[in-house]
Amino acid sequence: VIILFLLLLIFVLFSNEINVVNLYTFDFANIFLPFGVVLFALLSFTSIPEMEMILKGNSKFTIFIFILFFYFSYPNIIFMKKWC
């Protein structure tokens, strides 16, 4: 329910950015092109409880994972701020 709410919120916030001209070139040959990306994103939901079980008792490993996450995420955030 939360995910659907977030998707609806994103749609409402960015609905003024939709350009209908881009939809005229829709090609049915590429209709399943984003299927792999969406499926890969949805598969991560099962890993969240498993990671919680793994990281529950090991605080040093948890800190290491967070540092590693921010190490790889920070350049992406800087890149997005630069281009937006």
Protein backbone atom coordinates (compact mmCIF):
# COMPACT_ATOMS: atom_id res chain seq x y z
CA VAL A 1 0.00 0.00 0.00
CA ILE A 2 2.85 2.37 0.81
CA ILE A 3 4.53 1.70 -2.53
CA LEU A 4 1.35 2.42 -4.45
CA PHE A 5 0.93 5.65 -2.49
CA LEU A 6 4.50 6.68 -3.30
CA LEU A 7 4.02 5.91 -6.99
CA LEU A 8 0.83 7.95 -7.03
CA LEU A 9 2.57 10.80 -5.22
CA ILE A 10 5.42 10.79 -7.74
CA PHE A 11 2.94 10.77 -10.60
CA VAL A 12 1.04 13.73 -9.16
CA LEU A 13 4.18 15.73 -8.41
CA PHE A 14 5.68 15.24 -11.87
CA SER A 15 2.51 15.18 -13.98
CA ASN A 16 3.24 18.67 -15.31
CA GLU A 17 6.49 17.32 -16.84
CA ILE A 18 4.68 14.81 -19.07
CA ASN A 19 4.99 15.68 -22.74
CA VAL A 20 2.28 13.97 -24.82
CA VAL A 21 4.33 14.36 -28.01
CA ASN A 22 6.70 11.68 -26.72
CA LEU A 23 3.87 9.16 -26.66
CA TYR A 24 3.16 9.44 -30.38
CA THR A 25 6.21 7.37 -31.29
CA PHE A 26 5.14 4.36 -29.21
CA ASP A 27 6.29 1.09 -30.79
CA PHE A 28 4.61 -2.16 -29.79
CA ALA A 29 7.75 -4.10 -30.75
CA ASN A 30 9.47 -2.70 -27.63
CA ILE A 31 6.60 -3.15 -25.19
CA PHE A 32 8.49 -5.68 -23.01
CA LEU A 33 11.77 -3.74 -23.08
CA PRO A 34 11.57 -2.43 -19.47
CA PHE A 35 10.25 -5.74 -18.10
CA GLY A 36 13.67 -6.91 -16.93
CA VAL A 37 14.40 -3.70 -15.06
CA VAL A 38 11.04 -3.71 -13.30
CA LEU A 39 11.33 -7.40 -12.41
CA PHE A 40 14.84 -6.89 -11.02
CA ALA A 41 13.64 -3.96 -8.89
CA LEU A 42 10.73 -5.95 -7.50
CA LEU A 43 12.96 -8.91 -6.61
CA SER A 44 14.80 -6.77 -4.06
CA PHE A 45 11.80 -6.81 -1.69
CA THR A 46 12.63 -10.34 -0.63
CA SER A 47 16.22 -9.43 0.21
CA ILE A 48 15.31 -6.76 2.78
CA PRO A 49 14.10 -9.15 5.53
CA GLU A 50 16.98 -11.49 4.78
CA MET A 51 19.52 -8.68 5.16
CA GLU A 52 17.87 -7.68 8.43
CA MET A 53 18.41 -11.19 9.77
CA ILE A 54 22.05 -11.19 8.64
CA LEU A 55 22.88 -7.75 10.00
CA LYS A 56 20.96 -8.04 13.27
CA GLY A 57 23.76 -9.25 15.53
CA ASN A 58 26.83 -7.98 13.72
CA SER A 59 27.20 -4.22 14.26
CA LYS A 60 30.67 -3.93 12.68
CA PHE A 61 29.45 -5.57 9.49
CA THR A 62 26.40 -3.31 9.46
CA ILE A 63 28.56 -0.18 9.70
CA PHE A 64 30.77 -1.52 6.92
CA ILE A 65 27.73 -2.08 4.67
CA PHE A 66 26.45 1.47 5.27
CA ILE A 67 29.86 2.96 4.55
CA LEU A 68 30.10 0.90 1.38
CA PHE A 69 26.59 1.97 0.34
CA PHE A 70 27.34 5.67 0.78
CA TYR A 71 30.73 5.30 -0.90
CA PHE A 72 29.03 4.12 -4.08
CA SER A 73 25.91 6.30 -3.77
CA TYR A 74 27.56 9.66 -3.14
CA PRO A 75 29.03 10.08 -6.67
CA ASN A 76 25.58 9.36 -8.14
CA ILE A 77 23.98 12.02 -5.93
CA ILE A 78 26.62 14.57 -6.94
CA PHE A 79 26.17 13.66 -10.61
CA MET A 80 22.39 14.08 -10.38
CA LYS A 81 22.71 17.46 -8.65
CA LYS A 82 25.10 18.61 -11.34
CA TRP A 83 22.73 17.78 -14.21
CA CYS A 84 19.37 18.68 -12.65
